[in-house]
Amino acid sequence: MPVIFALPVLVGCATGTPEVEDESASLPEITAQGFSDVKAELNFETGTATTPISEYLTNLDFGTEVLFAQARETLVTECMTAAGHNYTGLTSVDWGSLQPQEDRIFGRWDRVSAAEFGSMMDETRGVPKTTTVEQGVEFNSALALCQEEAAVDPVLGPLSEDLSQLTLADRILGNASTLAENSDAGREATESFTACMEEKSIVLDPASGYMSSEYTDLGKDAEIAAAVGEADCNVDTGRVQKLYDLRAQYEAAYIEKYEAQLGDVLAHKQEVHAQLRAIIDDVS
């Protein structure tokens, strides 16, 4: 039975990440003029988006997260087998079928998920998280040791550390998202969304601008109704498509500006994936 996968917070690249510029400095604001034809690809069934920066991301790339988890579980499985335990954290997961969680950078917009889970994330998505408590003390003691051993693996250990670093691609995504929301078109889209929420009598959190977290205290039916209303308003007003399109356009502008540096970032991402696959293939 699989265990809780203790993954690193994937927010960067691996050893040797190219030095782009002062990591503490903010990226300059940029105009998206000339990139109006760039559009985001939205999957309304899963609430996920693909934008120009997606291929450069490591930390927010679900494929990288899955590869890291699979590599780690490969090492843990090998260790547990050597210790005489039947550990199924690797074989119990269909790694190729895993789906990412809804991207809520611009609020909820997966209507199906909202109708079933309300404000909560769909726990059937993402890297599986279960427990092995029922396997007993001896099994879990051995598992803890094997997990520690995997964490200091000469390849996986440094990758875990380096994947905690911010990359240029991450910064571009963050900047582009902010610029999209703060643009005239972005503000107009949000105004339409807010009006829609008010028409549905959904109370907004003054800080986030989305459904109040207090709906979770009113029972599941009230929480689901508010979450569905938020998803409906985001989709029906066109806000979510507009904001992702705007973000995609700002990303395209940044990509043009930092083309050479991002080429290095992409090459490094491919190196990370190659190292993770090597762990998986070497033990498999």
C-alpha atoms as a PDB file:
ATOM      1  CA  MET A   1       0.000   0.000   0.000  1.00  0.00           C
ATOM      2  CA  PRO A   2       1.377   3.422  -0.889  1.00  0.00           C
ATOM      3  CA  VAL A   3       2.468   5.974   1.640  1.00  0.00           C
ATOM      4  CA  ILE A   4       2.380   9.715   1.917  1.00  0.00           C
ATOM      5  CA  PHE A   5       4.877  10.932  -0.646  1.00  0.00           C
ATOM      6  CA  ALA A   6       7.028  13.560   1.050  1.00  0.00           C
ATOM      7  CA  LEU A   7       7.899  15.634  -1.989  1.00  0.00           C
ATOM      8  CA  PRO A   8       9.970  18.785  -2.026  1.00  0.00           C
ATOM      9  CA  VAL A   9       8.268  22.036  -2.863  1.00  0.00           C
ATOM     10  CA  LEU A  10       9.183  22.046  -6.517  1.00  0.00           C
ATOM     11  CA  VAL A  11      10.108  25.588  -7.293  1.00  0.00           C
ATOM     12  CA  GLY A  12      13.201  25.507  -9.441  1.00  0.00           C
ATOM     13  CA  CYS A  13      15.874  23.664 -11.375  1.00  0.00           C
ATOM     14  CA  ALA A  14      18.730  21.326 -10.565  1.00  0.00           C
ATOM     15  CA  THR A  15      22.425  21.737  -9.905  1.00  0.00           C
ATOM     16  CA  GLY A  16      24.039  24.180 -12.289  1.00  0.00           C
ATOM     17  CA  THR A  17      20.952  26.286 -12.898  1.00  0.00           C
ATOM     18  CA  PRO A  18      22.112  29.162 -15.109  1.00  0.00           C
ATOM     19  CA  GLU A  19      22.585  32.445 -13.334  1.00  0.00           C
ATOM     20  CA  VAL A  20      20.125  34.748 -15.057  1.00  0.00           C
ATOM     21  CA  GLU A  21      20.404  37.846 -12.911  1.00  0.00           C
ATOM     22  CA  ASP A  22      20.030  38.978  -9.308  1.00  0.00           C
ATOM     23  CA  GLU A  23      17.393  36.598  -7.939  1.00  0.00           C
ATOM     24  CA  SER A  24      16.275  39.197  -5.394  1.00  0.00           C
ATOM     25  CA  ALA A  25      15.513  41.755  -8.087  1.00  0.00           C
ATOM     26  CA  SER A  26      12.046  42.057  -9.568  1.00  0.00           C
ATOM     27  CA  LEU A  27      11.633  41.557 -13.269  1.00  0.00           C
ATOM     28  CA  PRO A  28      10.873  44.784 -15.082  1.00  0.00           C
ATOM     29  CA  GLU A  29       7.293  45.412 -16.112  1.00  0.00           C
ATOM     30  CA  ILE A  30       6.720  44.777 -19.770  1.00  0.00           C
ATOM     31  CA  THR A  31       4.106  45.569 -22.389  1.00  0.00           C
ATOM     32  CA  ALA A  32       2.171  42.824 -24.144  1.00  0.00           C
ATOM     33  CA  GLN A  33       1.614  45.006 -27.178  1.00  0.00           C
ATOM     34  CA  GLY A  34       2.145  42.981 -30.326  1.00  0.00           C
ATOM     35  CA  PHE A  35       1.226  39.671 -28.666  1.00  0.00           C
ATOM     36  CA  SER A  36      -2.580  39.896 -28.780  1.00  0.00           C
ATOM     37  CA  ASP A  37      -2.765  36.766 -30.955  1.00  0.00           C
ATOM     38  CA  VAL A  38      -1.241  34.640 -28.185  1.00  0.00           C
ATOM     39  CA  LYS A  39      -3.900  32.631 -26.342  1.00  0.00           C
ATOM     40  CA  ALA A  40      -3.930  30.236 -23.418  1.00  0.00           C
ATOM     41  CA  GLU A  41      -5.170  26.674 -23.824  1.00  0.00           C
ATOM     42  CA  LEU A  42      -7.727  25.957 -21.097  1.00  0.00           C
ATOM     43  CA  ASN A  43      -9.059  22.554 -20.103  1.00  0.00           C
ATOM     44  CA  PHE A  44     -12.409  23.352 -18.536  1.00  0.00           C
ATOM     45  CA  GLU A  45     -12.911  19.737 -17.474  1.00  0.00           C
ATOM     46  CA  THR A  46      -9.890  19.791 -15.166  1.00  0.00           C
ATOM     47  CA  GLY A  47      -9.398  23.493 -14.499  1.00  0.00           C
ATOM     48  CA  THR A  48      -5.868  23.520 -15.882  1.00  0.00           C
ATOM     49  CA  ALA A  49      -4.159  25.853 -18.344  1.00  0.00           C
ATOM     50  CA  THR A  50      -1.233  25.758 -20.745  1.00  0.00           C
ATOM     51  CA  THR A  51       0.510  29.047 -21.506  1.00  0.00           C
ATOM     52  CA  PRO A  52       3.799  29.915 -23.257  1.00  0.00           C
ATOM     53  CA  ILE A  53       5.865  29.666 -20.065  1.00  0.00           C
ATOM     54  CA  SER A  54       4.529  26.192 -19.232  1.00  0.00           C
ATOM     55  CA  GLU A  55       7.244  24.327 -21.124  1.00  0.00           C
ATOM     56  CA  TYR A  56       9.972  26.131 -19.151  1.00  0.00           C
ATOM     57  CA  LEU A  57       8.534  25.489 -15.676  1.00  0.00           C
ATOM     58  CA  THR A  58      10.017  22.925 -13.344  1.00  0.00           C
ATOM     59  CA  ASN A  59       8.495  23.701  -9.952  1.00  0.00           C
ATOM     60  CA  LEU A  60       4.947  24.195 -11.202  1.00  0.00           C
ATOM     61  CA  ASP A  61       5.247  21.483 -13.826  1.00  0.00           C
ATOM     62  CA  PHE A  62       3.141  18.495 -12.846  1.00  0.00           C
ATOM     63  CA  GLY A  63       5.220  16.191 -15.029  1.00  0.00           C
ATOM     64  CA  THR A  64       8.319  17.061 -13.013  1.00  0.00           C
ATOM     65  CA  GLU A  65       6.470  16.473  -9.754  1.00  0.00           C
ATOM     66  CA  VAL A  66       5.321  13.051 -10.926  1.00  0.00           C
ATOM     67  CA  LEU A  67       8.797  12.078 -12.126  1.00  0.00           C
ATOM     68  CA  PHE A  68      10.339  13.124  -8.815  1.00  0.00           C
ATOM     69  CA  ALA A  69       7.772  11.123  -6.842  1.00  0.00           C
ATOM     70  CA  GLN A  70       8.265   8.082  -9.055  1.00  0.00           C
ATOM     71  CA  ALA A  71      12.053   8.281  -8.745  1.00  0.00           C
ATOM     72  CA  ARG A  72      11.815   8.643  -4.989  1.00  0.00           C
ATOM     73  CA  GLU A  73       9.402   5.733  -4.637  1.00  0.00           C
ATOM     74  CA  THR A  74      11.674   3.649  -6.855  1.00  0.00           C
ATOM     75  CA  LEU A  75      14.540   4.148  -4.405  1.00  0.00           C
ATOM     76  CA  VAL A  76      12.321   3.538  -1.381  1.00  0.00           C
ATOM     77  CA  THR A  77      10.937   0.343  -2.918  1.00  0.00           C
ATOM     78  CA  GLU A  78      14.439  -0.985  -3.604  1.00  0.00           C
ATOM     79  CA  CYS A  79      15.442  -0.219  -0.020  1.00  0.00           C
ATOM     80  CA  MET A  80      12.324  -1.833   1.470  1.00  0.00           C
ATOM     81  CA  THR A  81      12.776  -4.955  -0.636  1.00  0.00           C
ATOM     82  CA  ALA A  82      16.341  -5.263   0.614  1.00  0.00           C
ATOM     83  CA  ALA A  83      14.991  -4.950   4.162  1.00  0.00           C
ATOM     84  CA  GLY A  84      12.561  -7.809   3.539  1.00  0.00           C
ATOM     85  CA  HIS A  85       9.343  -5.794   3.288  1.00  0.00           C
ATOM     86  CA  ASN A  86       6.706  -5.838   0.562  1.00  0.00           C
ATOM     87  CA  TYR A  87       6.283  -2.138  -0.152  1.00  0.00           C
ATOM     88  CA  THR A  88       3.858  -1.201  -2.953  1.00  0.00           C
ATOM     89  CA  GLY A  89       4.214   2.582  -2.977  1.00  0.00           C
ATOM     90  CA  LEU A  90       5.599   2.373  -6.509  1.00  0.00           C
ATOM     91  CA  THR A  91       3.568  -0.395  -8.116  1.00  0.00           C
ATOM     92  CA  SER A  92       0.177   0.634  -6.697  1.00  0.00           C
ATOM     93  CA  VAL A  93       0.185   3.895  -8.664  1.00  0.00           C
ATOM     94  CA  ASP A  94      -0.603   4.253 -12.367  1.00  0.00           C
ATOM     95  CA  TRP A  95       1.939   7.016 -12.853  1.00  0.00           C
ATOM     96  CA  GLY A  96       0.971   7.753 -16.427  1.00  0.00           C
ATOM     97  CA  SER A  97      -2.667   8.462 -15.592  1.00  0.00           C
ATOM     98  CA  LEU A  98      -2.174  10.997 -12.785  1.00  0.00           C
ATOM     99  CA  GLN A  99      -3.903  14.343 -13.278  1.00  0.00           C
ATOM    100  CA  PRO A 100      -2.879  17.719 -11.796  1.00  0.00           C
ATOM    101  CA  GLN A 101      -4.974  19.691  -9.357  1.00  0.00           C
ATOM    102  CA  GLU A 102      -7.095  22.613 -10.520  1.00  0.00           C
ATOM    103  CA  ASP A 103      -5.078  25.766 -11.168  1.00  0.00           C
ATOM    104  CA  ARG A 104      -6.715  28.377  -8.945  1.00  0.00           C
ATOM    105  CA  ILE A 105      -4.384  31.294  -9.568  1.00  0.00           C
ATOM    106  CA  PHE A 106      -7.446  33.170 -10.849  1.00  0.00           C
ATOM    107  CA  GLY A 107      -9.983  31.443  -8.609  1.00  0.00           C
ATOM    108  CA  ARG A 108     -12.178  28.380  -9.077  1.00  0.00           C
ATOM    109  CA  TRP A 109     -13.346  27.469 -12.569  1.00  0.00           C
ATOM    110  CA  ASP A 110     -13.661  23.682 -12.589  1.00  0.00           C
ATOM    111  CA  ARG A 111     -17.447  23.387 -12.257  1.00  0.00           C
ATOM    112  CA  VAL A 112     -17.508  19.611 -11.878  1.00  0.00           C
ATOM    113  CA  SER A 113     -14.951  19.644  -9.063  1.00  0.00           C
ATOM    114  CA  ALA A 114     -16.722  22.548  -7.340  1.00  0.00           C
ATOM    115  CA  ALA A 115     -20.037  20.671  -7.462  1.00  0.00           C
ATOM    116  CA  GLU A 116     -18.474  17.622  -5.815  1.00  0.00           C
ATOM    117  CA  PHE A 117     -15.847  19.015  -3.460  1.00  0.00           C
ATOM    118  CA  GLY A 118     -16.834  22.633  -2.869  1.00  0.00           C
ATOM    119  CA  SER A 119     -13.795  24.673  -1.888  1.00  0.00           C
ATOM    120  CA  MET A 120     -11.662  21.569  -1.306  1.00  0.00           C
ATOM    121  CA  MET A 121      -9.283  20.163  -3.884  1.00  0.00           C
ATOM    122  CA  ASP A 122     -10.102  16.909  -5.654  1.00  0.00           C
ATOM    123  CA  GLU A 123      -8.001  14.400  -3.725  1.00  0.00           C
ATOM    124  CA  THR A 124      -8.144  11.910  -6.596  1.00  0.00           C
ATOM    125  CA  ARG A 125      -5.810  14.204  -8.531  1.00  0.00           C
ATOM    126  CA  GLY A 126      -2.163  14.921  -7.930  1.00  0.00           C
ATOM    127  CA  VAL A 127       0.393  12.488  -6.526  1.00  0.00           C
ATOM    128  CA  PRO A 128      -1.466   9.966  -4.291  1.00  0.00           C
ATOM    129  CA  LYS A 129      -1.331  10.423  -0.540  1.00  0.00           C
ATOM    130  CA  THR A 130      -2.259   7.444   1.585  1.00  0.00           C
ATOM    131  CA  THR A 131      -0.920   5.772   4.706  1.00  0.00           C
ATOM    132  CA  THR A 132       0.737   2.537   5.863  1.00  0.00           C
ATOM    133  CA  VAL A 133      -0.124   2.767   9.552  1.00  0.00           C
ATOM    134  CA  GLU A 134      -1.952  -0.571   9.364  1.00  0.00           C
ATOM    135  CA  GLN A 135       1.330  -2.235   8.325  1.00  0.00           C
ATOM    136  CA  GLY A 136       2.601  -1.913  11.865  1.00  0.00           C
ATOM    137  CA  VAL A 137       5.563  -0.444  13.726  1.00  0.00           C
ATOM    138  CA  GLU A 138       8.347  -2.567  12.223  1.00  0.00           C
ATOM    139  CA  PHE A 139       7.241  -1.859   8.650  1.00  0.00           C
ATOM    140  CA  ASN A 140       6.900   1.875   9.210  1.00  0.00           C
ATOM    141  CA  SER A 141      10.204   2.113  11.066  1.00  0.00           C
ATOM    142  CA  ALA A 142      11.930   0.498   8.094  1.00  0.00           C
ATOM    143  CA  LEU A 143       9.999   2.777   5.747  1.00  0.00           C
ATOM    144  CA  ALA A 144      11.141   5.885   7.594  1.00  0.00           C
ATOM    145  CA  LEU A 145      14.760   4.775   7.297  1.00  0.00           C
ATOM    146  CA  CYS A 146      14.357   4.054   3.588  1.00  0.00           C
ATOM    147  CA  GLN A 147      12.765   7.441   3.016  1.00  0.00           C
ATOM    148  CA  GLU A 148      15.689   9.083   4.796  1.00  0.00           C
ATOM    149  CA  GLU A 149      18.093   7.094   2.644  1.00  0.00           C
ATOM    150  CA  ALA A 150      16.293   8.224  -0.520  1.00  0.00           C
ATOM    151  CA  ALA A 151      16.444  11.834   0.656  1.00  0.00           C
ATOM    152  CA  VAL A 152      20.254  11.718   0.767  1.00  0.00           C
ATOM    153  CA  ASP A 153      20.670   9.740  -2.446  1.00  0.00           C
ATOM    154  CA  PRO A 154      23.640  11.235  -4.361  1.00  0.00           C
ATOM    155  CA  VAL A 155      21.388  12.139  -7.289  1.00  0.00           C
ATOM    156  CA  LEU A 156      17.934  12.650  -5.790  1.00  0.00           C
ATOM    157  CA  GLY A 157      19.218  14.516  -2.741  1.00  0.00           C
ATOM    158  CA  PRO A 158      20.862  17.367  -4.658  1.00  0.00           C
ATOM    159  CA  LEU A 159      17.888  17.520  -7.030  1.00  0.00           C
ATOM    160  CA  SER A 160      15.527  17.946  -4.101  1.00  0.00           C
ATOM    161  CA  GLU A 161      17.613  20.804  -2.752  1.00  0.00           C
ATOM    162  CA  ASP A 162      18.016  22.527  -6.094  1.00  0.00           C
ATOM    163  CA  LEU A 163      14.342  22.142  -6.955  1.00  0.00           C
ATOM    164  CA  SER A 164      13.577  24.490  -4.076  1.00  0.00           C
ATOM    165  CA  GLN A 165      15.152  27.412  -5.896  1.00  0.00           C
ATOM    166  CA  LEU A 166      13.228  30.031  -7.847  1.00  0.00           C
ATOM    167  CA  THR A 167      13.831  30.089 -11.603  1.00  0.00           C
ATOM    168  CA  LEU A 168      13.416  32.773 -14.222  1.00  0.00           C
ATOM    169  CA  ALA A 169      10.395  30.889 -15.571  1.00  0.00           C
ATOM    170  CA  ASP A 170       8.711  30.999 -12.153  1.00  0.00           C
ATOM    171  CA  ARG A 171       9.284  34.723 -11.889  1.00  0.00           C
ATOM    172  CA  ILE A 172       7.896  35.307 -15.362  1.00  0.00           C
ATOM    173  CA  LEU A 173       4.751  33.357 -14.509  1.00  0.00           C
ATOM    174  CA  GLY A 174       4.242  35.386 -11.334  1.00  0.00           C
ATOM    175  CA  ASN A 175       4.885  38.724 -13.003  1.00  0.00           C
ATOM    176  CA  ALA A 176       2.699  37.912 -15.994  1.00  0.00           C
ATOM    177  CA  SER A 177      -0.168  36.856 -13.726  1.00  0.00           C
ATOM    178  CA  THR A 178       0.018  40.105 -11.773  1.00  0.00           C
ATOM    179  CA  LEU A 179       0.245  42.214 -14.923  1.00  0.00           C
ATOM    180  CA  ALA A 180      -2.750  40.379 -16.388  1.00  0.00           C
ATOM    181  CA  GLU A 181      -4.909  41.042 -13.333  1.00  0.00           C
ATOM    182  CA  ASN A 182      -3.820  44.672 -13.053  1.00  0.00           C
ATOM    183  CA  SER A 183      -4.282  45.520 -16.725  1.00  0.00           C
ATOM    184  CA  ASP A 184      -7.346  47.495 -17.803  1.00  0.00           C
ATOM    185  CA  ALA A 185      -8.783  44.440 -19.536  1.00  0.00           C
ATOM    186  CA  GLY A 186      -8.040  42.285 -16.504  1.00  0.00           C
ATOM    187  CA  ARG A 187      -9.707  44.699 -14.098  1.00  0.00           C
ATOM    188  CA  GLU A 188     -12.738  44.927 -16.379  1.00  0.00           C
ATOM    189  CA  ALA A 189     -13.017  41.134 -16.444  1.00  0.00           C
ATOM    190  CA  THR A 190     -12.797  40.999 -12.650  1.00  0.00           C
ATOM    191  CA  GLU A 191     -15.470  43.673 -12.310  1.00  0.00           C
ATOM    192  CA  SER A 192     -17.824  41.508 -14.384  1.00  0.00           C
ATOM    193  CA  PHE A 193     -16.956  38.503 -12.218  1.00  0.00           C
ATOM    194  CA  THR A 194     -17.598  40.458  -9.010  1.00  0.00           C
ATOM    195  CA  ALA A 195     -20.952  41.695 -10.303  1.00  0.00           C
ATOM    196  CA  CYS A 196     -21.900  38.113 -11.176  1.00  0.00           C
ATOM    197  CA  MET A 197     -21.000  36.913  -7.677  1.00  0.00           C
ATOM    198  CA  GLU A 198     -23.026  39.696  -6.097  1.00  0.00           C
ATOM    199  CA  GLU A 199     -26.009  38.835  -8.289  1.00  0.00           C
ATOM    200  CA  LYS A 200     -25.797  35.312  -6.905  1.00  0.00           C
ATOM    201  CA  SER A 201     -25.616  36.770  -3.355  1.00  0.00           C
ATOM    202  CA  ILE A 202     -22.227  35.172  -2.759  1.00  0.00           C
ATOM    203  CA  VAL A 203     -20.232  37.019  -0.103  1.00  0.00           C
ATOM    204  CA  LEU A 204     -16.665  37.752  -1.175  1.00  0.00           C
ATOM    205  CA  ASP A 205     -13.523  37.691   0.910  1.00  0.00           C
ATOM    206  CA  PRO A 206     -12.348  41.330   0.879  1.00  0.00           C
ATOM    207  CA  ALA A 207      -8.698  40.268   0.650  1.00  0.00           C
ATOM    208  CA  SER A 208      -8.882  37.673  -2.123  1.00  0.00           C
ATOM    209  CA  GLY A 209     -11.968  38.830  -4.000  1.00  0.00           C
ATOM    210  CA  TYR A 210     -13.261  35.250  -4.131  1.00  0.00           C
ATOM    211  CA  MET A 211     -15.903  33.389  -2.093  1.00  0.00           C
ATOM    212  CA  SER A 212     -15.576  33.912   1.641  1.00  0.00           C
ATOM    213  CA  SER A 213     -13.873  31.088   3.526  1.00  0.00           C
ATOM    214  CA  GLU A 214     -16.693  31.313   6.063  1.00  0.00           C
ATOM    215  CA  TYR A 215     -18.894  29.296   3.715  1.00  0.00           C
ATOM    216  CA  THR A 216     -17.047  26.209   4.935  1.00  0.00           C
ATOM    217  CA  ASP A 217     -18.519  26.863   8.389  1.00  0.00           C
ATOM    218  CA  LEU A 218     -22.090  26.867   7.060  1.00  0.00           C
ATOM    219  CA  GLY A 219     -22.174  23.244   5.985  1.00  0.00           C
ATOM    220  CA  LYS A 220     -21.189  21.391   2.825  1.00  0.00           C
ATOM    221  CA  ASP A 221     -24.276  22.401   0.836  1.00  0.00           C
ATOM    222  CA  ALA A 222     -23.606  26.115   1.360  1.00  0.00           C
ATOM    223  CA  GLU A 223     -19.905  25.657   0.602  1.00  0.00           C
ATOM    224  CA  ILE A 224     -20.629  23.771  -2.621  1.00  0.00           C
ATOM    225  CA  ALA A 225     -23.232  26.307  -3.736  1.00  0.00           C
ATOM    226  CA  ALA A 226     -20.754  29.168  -3.285  1.00  0.00           C
ATOM    227  CA  ALA A 227     -17.929  27.263  -5.009  1.00  0.00           C
ATOM    228  CA  VAL A 228     -20.140  26.373  -7.972  1.00  0.00           C
ATOM    229  CA  GLY A 229     -21.273  29.999  -8.173  1.00  0.00           C
ATOM    230  CA  GLU A 230     -17.657  31.164  -8.264  1.00  0.00           C
ATOM    231  CA  ALA A 231     -16.754  28.672 -10.994  1.00  0.00           C
ATOM    232  CA  ASP A 232     -19.843  29.633 -12.996  1.00  0.00           C
ATOM    233  CA  CYS A 233     -19.085  33.348 -12.744  1.00  0.00           C
ATOM    234  CA  ASN A 234     -15.437  32.848 -13.688  1.00  0.00           C
ATOM    235  CA  VAL A 235     -16.394  30.880 -16.797  1.00  0.00           C
ATOM    236  CA  ASP A 236     -19.657  32.532 -17.837  1.00  0.00           C
ATOM    237  CA  THR A 237     -18.318  36.095 -17.693  1.00  0.00           C
ATOM    238  CA  GLY A 238     -15.266  35.026 -19.685  1.00  0.00           C
ATOM    239  CA  ARG A 239     -12.971  36.244 -16.904  1.00  0.00           C
ATOM    240  CA  VAL A 240     -10.881  33.115 -16.549  1.00  0.00           C
ATOM    241  CA  GLN A 241     -10.245  32.877 -20.295  1.00  0.00           C
ATOM    242  CA  LYS A 242      -9.452  36.582 -20.512  1.00  0.00           C
ATOM    243  CA  LEU A 243      -6.976  36.524 -17.605  1.00  0.00           C
ATOM    244  CA  TYR A 244      -5.161  33.437 -18.853  1.00  0.00           C
ATOM    245  CA  ASP A 245      -5.001  34.923 -22.356  1.00  0.00           C
ATOM    246  CA  LEU A 246      -3.579  38.151 -20.957  1.00  0.00           C
ATOM    247  CA  ARG A 247      -1.077  36.221 -18.868  1.00  0.00           C
ATOM    248  CA  ALA A 248      -0.062  34.242 -21.949  1.00  0.00           C
ATOM    249  CA  GLN A 249       0.550  37.481 -23.843  1.00  0.00           C
ATOM    250  CA  TYR A 250       2.718  38.944 -21.090  1.00  0.00           C
ATOM    251  CA  GLU A 251       4.595  35.646 -20.848  1.00  0.00           C
ATOM    252  CA  ALA A 252       5.249  35.728 -24.591  1.00  0.00           C
ATOM    253  CA  ALA A 253       6.670  39.227 -24.244  1.00  0.00           C
ATOM    254  CA  TYR A 254       8.981  38.126 -21.413  1.00  0.00           C
ATOM    255  CA  ILE A 255      10.029  35.028 -23.353  1.00  0.00           C
ATOM    256  CA  GLU A 256      11.065  37.188 -26.273  1.00  0.00           C
ATOM    257  CA  LYS A 257      13.079  39.421 -23.931  1.00  0.00           C
ATOM    258  CA  TYR A 258      14.796  36.544 -22.120  1.00  0.00           C
ATOM    259  CA  GLU A 259      15.000  34.067 -24.993  1.00  0.00           C
ATOM    260  CA  ALA A 260      18.632  33.070 -24.462  1.00  0.00           C
ATOM    261  CA  GLN A 261      18.350  32.652 -20.696  1.00  0.00           C
ATOM    262  CA  LEU A 262      15.156  30.639 -21.006  1.00  0.00           C
ATOM    263  CA  GLY A 263      16.869  28.375 -23.501  1.00  0.00           C
ATOM    264  CA  ASP A 264      19.302  27.500 -20.720  1.00  0.00           C
ATOM    265  CA  VAL A 265      16.419  27.018 -18.269  1.00  0.00           C
ATOM    266  CA  LEU A 266      14.679  24.635 -20.675  1.00  0.00           C
ATOM    267  CA  ALA A 267      17.855  22.659 -21.286  1.00  0.00           C
ATOM    268  CA  HIS A 268      18.321  22.349 -17.552  1.00  0.00           C
ATOM    269  CA  LYS A 269      14.761  21.154 -17.068  1.00  0.00           C
ATOM    270  CA  GLN A 270      15.432  18.436 -19.624  1.00  0.00           C
ATOM    271  CA  GLU A 271      18.568  17.497 -17.686  1.00  0.00           C
ATOM    272  CA  VAL A 272      16.534  17.214 -14.486  1.00  0.00           C
ATOM    273  CA  HIS A 273      14.030  14.934 -16.199  1.00  0.00           C
ATOM    274  CA  ALA A 274      16.830  12.802 -17.618  1.00  0.00           C
ATOM    275  CA  GLN A 275      18.361  12.333 -14.156  1.00  0.00           C
ATOM    276  CA  LEU A 276      15.008  11.374 -12.656  1.00  0.00           C
ATOM    277  CA  ARG A 277      14.272   8.905 -15.451  1.00  0.00           C
ATOM    278  CA  ALA A 278      17.736   7.411 -15.017  1.00  0.00           C
ATOM    279  CA  ILE A 279      16.912   6.604 -11.383  1.00  0.00           C
ATOM    280  CA  ILE A 280      13.636   4.997 -12.418  1.00  0.00           C
ATOM    281  CA  ASP A 281      15.153   2.997 -15.288  1.00  0.00           C
ATOM    282  CA  ASP A 282      18.247   1.941 -13.341  1.00  0.00           C
ATOM    283  CA  VAL A 283      16.237   0.266 -10.594  1.00  0.00           C
ATOM    284  CA  SER A 284      13.253  -0.915 -12.643  1.00  0.00           C
END
